[in-house]
């Protein structure tokens, strides 16, 4: 088994609500993605193919959700997933709710939001965990309240999504 790529990150708290900074030195590379929040950071090496991961904004990249207006049936899927974050419906249930096939739900959702329904759900769980930790929740409590199976599951997703661990996020908030 090979050793994981070298990855060091530090989170800096600020006196402003919802604003944080990061310093990341990483050999990891992440696929193209977007975040629903913005942050300022210094990425010394390694790259994430998103504007937030690069530390620079380019005309062709955005950390904002795709701007296309989603159809009503796709919004209905997103709203149901958001409402049932801890016990989400199956893809078959979502398809039955909208009158579409499962493949149509997958394709339309990904076209509207940039990721398939389950990936969107995981992103929302990560955001919820980050919010709960910011509010002072214990890491295990934040994992359970966000729908993760355990704290290590939350840590894997959190690190993939934000580039740092939940513990680093928690320590950075104390500045």
C-alpha atoms as a PDB file:
ATOM      1  CA  UNK A   1       0.000   0.000   0.000  1.00  0.00           C
ATOM      2  CA  UNK A   2       1.440   3.356  -1.002  1.00  0.00           C
ATOM      3  CA  UNK A   3       1.615   6.336   1.327  1.00  0.00           C
ATOM      4  CA  UNK A   4      -0.988   9.069   0.766  1.00  0.00           C
ATOM      5  CA  UNK A   5       0.246  12.213  -1.006  1.00  0.00           C
ATOM      6  CA  UNK A   6       1.752  14.888   1.189  1.00  0.00           C
ATOM      7  CA  UNK A   7      -0.879  17.390   2.286  1.00  0.00           C
ATOM      8  CA  UNK A   8      -0.569  20.168   4.860  1.00  0.00           C
ATOM      9  CA  UNK A   9      -3.197  22.760   5.552  1.00  0.00           C
ATOM     10  CA  UNK A  10      -3.836  25.433   8.114  1.00  0.00           C
ATOM     11  CA  UNK A  11      -7.082  27.303   8.692  1.00  0.00           C
ATOM     12  CA  UNK A  12      -7.046  30.859   9.972  1.00  0.00           C
ATOM     13  CA  UNK A  13     -10.004  32.339  11.773  1.00  0.00           C
ATOM     14  CA  UNK A  14     -10.950  35.972  11.409  1.00  0.00           C
ATOM     15  CA  UNK A  15     -13.052  38.348  13.470  1.00  0.00           C
ATOM     16  CA  UNK A  16     -15.668  38.385  10.672  1.00  0.00           C
ATOM     17  CA  UNK A  17     -18.515  35.894  10.694  1.00  0.00           C
ATOM     18  CA  UNK A  18     -18.270  33.427   7.833  1.00  0.00           C
ATOM     19  CA  UNK A  19     -14.818  34.579   6.655  1.00  0.00           C
ATOM     20  CA  UNK A  20     -11.780  32.350   7.023  1.00  0.00           C
ATOM     21  CA  UNK A  21      -8.433  31.869   5.391  1.00  0.00           C
ATOM     22  CA  UNK A  22      -6.363  28.811   4.538  1.00  0.00           C
ATOM     23  CA  UNK A  23      -2.766  28.004   3.691  1.00  0.00           C
ATOM     24  CA  UNK A  24      -2.502  24.723   1.795  1.00  0.00           C
ATOM     25  CA  UNK A  25       0.523  22.874   0.486  1.00  0.00           C
ATOM     26  CA  UNK A  26      -0.618  19.732  -1.240  1.00  0.00           C
ATOM     27  CA  UNK A  27       0.423  17.007  -3.637  1.00  0.00           C
ATOM     28  CA  UNK A  28      -3.239  16.041  -3.984  1.00  0.00           C
ATOM     29  CA  UNK A  29      -5.203  16.977  -7.057  1.00  0.00           C
ATOM     30  CA  UNK A  30      -8.967  17.249  -7.100  1.00  0.00           C
ATOM     31  CA  UNK A  31     -11.288  17.188 -10.083  1.00  0.00           C
ATOM     32  CA  UNK A  32     -13.225  20.223 -11.217  1.00  0.00           C
ATOM     33  CA  UNK A  33     -15.805  21.250  -8.626  1.00  0.00           C
ATOM     34  CA  UNK A  34     -17.484  24.278  -7.113  1.00  0.00           C
ATOM     35  CA  UNK A  35     -18.243  25.467  -3.616  1.00  0.00           C
ATOM     36  CA  UNK A  36     -21.269  27.274  -2.303  1.00  0.00           C
ATOM     37  CA  UNK A  37     -18.997  29.511  -0.225  1.00  0.00           C
ATOM     38  CA  UNK A  38     -15.937  31.632  -0.913  1.00  0.00           C
ATOM     39  CA  UNK A  39     -12.679  31.671   0.979  1.00  0.00           C
ATOM     40  CA  UNK A  40      -9.315  33.335   0.655  1.00  0.00           C
ATOM     41  CA  UNK A  41      -6.306  31.102   0.662  1.00  0.00           C
ATOM     42  CA  UNK A  42      -2.742  30.547  -0.340  1.00  0.00           C
ATOM     43  CA  UNK A  43      -2.120  27.383  -2.331  1.00  0.00           C
ATOM     44  CA  UNK A  44       1.629  26.920  -2.580  1.00  0.00           C
ATOM     45  CA  UNK A  45       1.593  23.778  -4.698  1.00  0.00           C
ATOM     46  CA  UNK A  46      -0.852  21.187  -5.905  1.00  0.00           C
ATOM     47  CA  UNK A  47      -4.101  22.241  -7.466  1.00  0.00           C
ATOM     48  CA  UNK A  48      -7.798  21.928  -7.374  1.00  0.00           C
ATOM     49  CA  UNK A  49      -9.395  22.797 -10.670  1.00  0.00           C
ATOM     50  CA  UNK A  50     -11.786  25.298  -9.133  1.00  0.00           C
ATOM     51  CA  UNK A  51     -11.343  28.994  -8.620  1.00  0.00           C
ATOM     52  CA  UNK A  52     -11.476  28.581  -4.857  1.00  0.00           C
ATOM     53  CA  UNK A  53      -8.753  25.905  -4.965  1.00  0.00           C
ATOM     54  CA  UNK A  54      -6.459  27.961  -7.159  1.00  0.00           C
ATOM     55  CA  UNK A  55      -6.754  31.121  -5.108  1.00  0.00           C
ATOM     56  CA  UNK A  56      -7.391  33.025  -8.349  1.00  0.00           C
ATOM     57  CA  UNK A  57     -10.634  33.779 -10.145  1.00  0.00           C
ATOM     58  CA  UNK A  58     -10.639  33.373 -13.897  1.00  0.00           C
ATOM     59  CA  UNK A  59     -13.330  34.308 -16.376  1.00  0.00           C
ATOM     60  CA  UNK A  60     -13.898  30.685 -17.364  1.00  0.00           C
ATOM     61  CA  UNK A  61     -14.139  29.335 -13.806  1.00  0.00           C
ATOM     62  CA  UNK A  62     -16.559  30.056 -11.019  1.00  0.00           C
ATOM     63  CA  UNK A  63     -17.184  28.843  -7.521  1.00  0.00           C
ATOM     64  CA  UNK A  64     -20.826  29.842  -7.848  1.00  0.00           C
ATOM     65  CA  UNK A  65     -23.535  27.396  -8.802  1.00  0.00           C
ATOM     66  CA  UNK A  66     -24.184  27.127 -12.530  1.00  0.00           C
ATOM     67  CA  UNK A  67     -26.343  30.042 -13.625  1.00  0.00           C
ATOM     68  CA  UNK A  68     -28.764  28.086 -15.814  1.00  0.00           C
ATOM     69  CA  UNK A  69     -32.290  28.239 -14.508  1.00  0.00           C
ATOM     70  CA  UNK A  70     -33.296  24.760 -13.373  1.00  0.00           C
ATOM     71  CA  UNK A  71     -36.606  23.267 -14.426  1.00  0.00           C
ATOM     72  CA  UNK A  72     -39.348  22.943 -11.819  1.00  0.00           C
ATOM     73  CA  UNK A  73     -38.991  19.159 -11.600  1.00  0.00           C
ATOM     74  CA  UNK A  74     -35.241  19.437 -10.908  1.00  0.00           C
ATOM     75  CA  UNK A  75     -35.835  22.125  -8.276  1.00  0.00           C
ATOM     76  CA  UNK A  76     -38.379  19.808  -6.680  1.00  0.00           C
ATOM     77  CA  UNK A  77     -35.711  17.065  -6.485  1.00  0.00           C
ATOM     78  CA  UNK A  78     -33.183  19.469  -4.953  1.00  0.00           C
ATOM     79  CA  UNK A  79     -35.713  20.766  -2.423  1.00  0.00           C
ATOM     80  CA  UNK A  80     -36.677  17.254  -1.343  1.00  0.00           C
ATOM     81  CA  UNK A  81     -33.025  16.267  -0.934  1.00  0.00           C
ATOM     82  CA  UNK A  82     -32.398  19.420   1.110  1.00  0.00           C
ATOM     83  CA  UNK A  83     -35.437  18.744   3.306  1.00  0.00           C
ATOM     84  CA  UNK A  84     -34.486  15.117   3.921  1.00  0.00           C
ATOM     85  CA  UNK A  85     -30.726  15.495   4.359  1.00  0.00           C
ATOM     86  CA  UNK A  86     -30.474  12.845   7.083  1.00  0.00           C
ATOM     87  CA  UNK A  87     -32.700  10.234   5.428  1.00  0.00           C
ATOM     88  CA  UNK A  88     -32.727  11.066   1.714  1.00  0.00           C
ATOM     89  CA  UNK A  89     -35.162   9.475  -0.726  1.00  0.00           C
ATOM     90  CA  UNK A  90     -33.932   6.920  -3.231  1.00  0.00           C
ATOM     91  CA  UNK A  91     -33.374   7.816  -6.853  1.00  0.00           C
ATOM     92  CA  UNK A  92     -36.437   5.740  -7.728  1.00  0.00           C
ATOM     93  CA  UNK A  93     -38.544   7.779  -5.271  1.00  0.00           C
ATOM     94  CA  UNK A  94     -37.256  11.023  -6.773  1.00  0.00           C
ATOM     95  CA  UNK A  95     -38.060   9.769 -10.266  1.00  0.00           C
ATOM     96  CA  UNK A  96     -41.573   8.715  -9.243  1.00  0.00           C
ATOM     97  CA  UNK A  97     -42.146  12.096  -7.583  1.00  0.00           C
ATOM     98  CA  UNK A  98     -41.265  13.974 -10.787  1.00  0.00           C
ATOM     99  CA  UNK A  99     -42.670  11.537 -13.332  1.00  0.00           C
ATOM    100  CA  UNK A 100     -39.240  11.155 -14.942  1.00  0.00           C
ATOM    101  CA  UNK A 101     -37.079   8.074 -15.365  1.00  0.00           C
ATOM    102  CA  UNK A 102     -34.126   7.653 -13.002  1.00  0.00           C
ATOM    103  CA  UNK A 103     -31.752   8.423 -15.875  1.00  0.00           C
ATOM    104  CA  UNK A 104     -33.631  11.618 -16.738  1.00  0.00           C
ATOM    105  CA  UNK A 105     -33.432  12.744 -13.103  1.00  0.00           C
ATOM    106  CA  UNK A 106     -29.681  12.102 -13.046  1.00  0.00           C
ATOM    107  CA  UNK A 107     -28.994  13.890 -16.341  1.00  0.00           C
ATOM    108  CA  UNK A 108     -31.238  16.888 -15.688  1.00  0.00           C
ATOM    109  CA  UNK A 109     -30.004  17.369 -12.121  1.00  0.00           C
ATOM    110  CA  UNK A 110     -26.359  17.222 -13.169  1.00  0.00           C
ATOM    111  CA  UNK A 111     -26.984  19.627 -16.038  1.00  0.00           C
ATOM    112  CA  UNK A 112     -28.666  22.117 -13.695  1.00  0.00           C
ATOM    113  CA  UNK A 113     -26.386  21.833 -10.643  1.00  0.00           C
ATOM    114  CA  UNK A 114     -23.103  20.481 -11.997  1.00  0.00           C
ATOM    115  CA  UNK A 115     -23.142  17.265  -9.956  1.00  0.00           C
ATOM    116  CA  UNK A 116     -25.461  14.245  -9.645  1.00  0.00           C
ATOM    117  CA  UNK A 117     -28.071  14.224  -6.833  1.00  0.00           C
ATOM    118  CA  UNK A 118     -26.029  12.101  -4.416  1.00  0.00           C
ATOM    119  CA  UNK A 119     -22.898  14.226  -4.882  1.00  0.00           C
ATOM    120  CA  UNK A 120     -25.021  17.349  -4.251  1.00  0.00           C
ATOM    121  CA  UNK A 121     -26.363  15.727  -1.091  1.00  0.00           C
ATOM    122  CA  UNK A 122     -22.828  14.987   0.145  1.00  0.00           C
ATOM    123  CA  UNK A 123     -21.802  18.606  -0.565  1.00  0.00           C
ATOM    124  CA  UNK A 124     -24.754  19.833   1.505  1.00  0.00           C
ATOM    125  CA  UNK A 125     -23.835  17.491   4.355  1.00  0.00           C
ATOM    126  CA  UNK A 126     -20.295  18.909   4.314  1.00  0.00           C
ATOM    127  CA  UNK A 127     -21.643  22.458   4.432  1.00  0.00           C
ATOM    128  CA  UNK A 128     -23.951  21.550   7.313  1.00  0.00           C
ATOM    129  CA  UNK A 129     -21.074  19.949   9.256  1.00  0.00           C
ATOM    130  CA  UNK A 130     -18.915  23.038   8.694  1.00  0.00           C
ATOM    131  CA  UNK A 131     -21.741  25.265   9.931  1.00  0.00           C
ATOM    132  CA  UNK A 132     -22.318  23.131  13.049  1.00  0.00           C
ATOM    133  CA  UNK A 133     -18.602  23.078  13.904  1.00  0.00           C
ATOM    134  CA  UNK A 134     -18.495  26.873  13.460  1.00  0.00           C
ATOM    135  CA  UNK A 135     -21.358  27.085  15.988  1.00  0.00           C
ATOM    136  CA  UNK A 136     -19.335  25.067  18.524  1.00  0.00           C
ATOM    137  CA  UNK A 137     -20.597  21.512  17.982  1.00  0.00           C
ATOM    138  CA  UNK A 138     -18.362  18.588  18.901  1.00  0.00           C
ATOM    139  CA  UNK A 139     -16.980  16.821  15.789  1.00  0.00           C
ATOM    140  CA  UNK A 140     -18.848  13.568  16.475  1.00  0.00           C
ATOM    141  CA  UNK A 141     -22.093  15.493  17.054  1.00  0.00           C
ATOM    142  CA  UNK A 142     -21.611  17.449  13.824  1.00  0.00           C
ATOM    143  CA  UNK A 143     -21.020  14.207  11.908  1.00  0.00           C
ATOM    144  CA  UNK A 144     -24.186  12.573  13.235  1.00  0.00           C
ATOM    145  CA  UNK A 145     -26.321  15.703  12.787  1.00  0.00           C
ATOM    146  CA  UNK A 146     -25.128  16.078   9.192  1.00  0.00           C
ATOM    147  CA  UNK A 147     -26.000  12.554   8.108  1.00  0.00           C
ATOM    148  CA  UNK A 148     -22.540  11.007   8.038  1.00  0.00           C
ATOM    149  CA  UNK A 149     -22.176   7.411   9.233  1.00  0.00           C
ATOM    150  CA  UNK A 150     -19.399   8.381  11.658  1.00  0.00           C
ATOM    151  CA  UNK A 151     -16.749  11.015  12.336  1.00  0.00           C
ATOM    152  CA  UNK A 152     -14.175   9.427  10.019  1.00  0.00           C
ATOM    153  CA  UNK A 153     -16.692   9.502   7.148  1.00  0.00           C
ATOM    154  CA  UNK A 154     -17.235  13.223   7.793  1.00  0.00           C
ATOM    155  CA  UNK A 155     -13.463  13.788   7.927  1.00  0.00           C
ATOM    156  CA  UNK A 156     -12.910  12.133   4.530  1.00  0.00           C
ATOM    157  CA  UNK A 157     -15.681  14.135   2.871  1.00  0.00           C
ATOM    158  CA  UNK A 158     -14.730  17.382   4.653  1.00  0.00           C
ATOM    159  CA  UNK A 159     -11.086  17.062   3.569  1.00  0.00           C
ATOM    160  CA  UNK A 160     -12.055  16.288  -0.018  1.00  0.00           C
ATOM    161  CA  UNK A 161     -14.556  19.158  -0.140  1.00  0.00           C
ATOM    162  CA  UNK A 162     -12.663  21.896   1.685  1.00  0.00           C
ATOM    163  CA  UNK A 163      -9.015  20.782   1.582  1.00  0.00           C
ATOM    164  CA  UNK A 164      -8.590  20.596   5.364  1.00  0.00           C
ATOM    165  CA  UNK A 165      -9.856  18.425   8.194  1.00  0.00           C
ATOM    166  CA  UNK A 166     -12.770  19.283  10.491  1.00  0.00           C
ATOM    167  CA  UNK A 167     -10.303  19.463  13.388  1.00  0.00           C
ATOM    168  CA  UNK A 168      -8.202  22.047  11.530  1.00  0.00           C
ATOM    169  CA  UNK A 169     -11.395  24.009  10.826  1.00  0.00           C
ATOM    170  CA  UNK A 170     -12.357  23.855  14.511  1.00  0.00           C
ATOM    171  CA  UNK A 171      -8.881  24.969  15.670  1.00  0.00           C
ATOM    172  CA  UNK A 172      -8.813  27.779  13.084  1.00  0.00           C
ATOM    173  CA  UNK A 173     -12.062  29.202  14.405  1.00  0.00           C
ATOM    174  CA  UNK A 174     -10.539  29.767  17.829  1.00  0.00           C
ATOM    175  CA  UNK A 175      -7.822  32.147  16.532  1.00  0.00           C
END
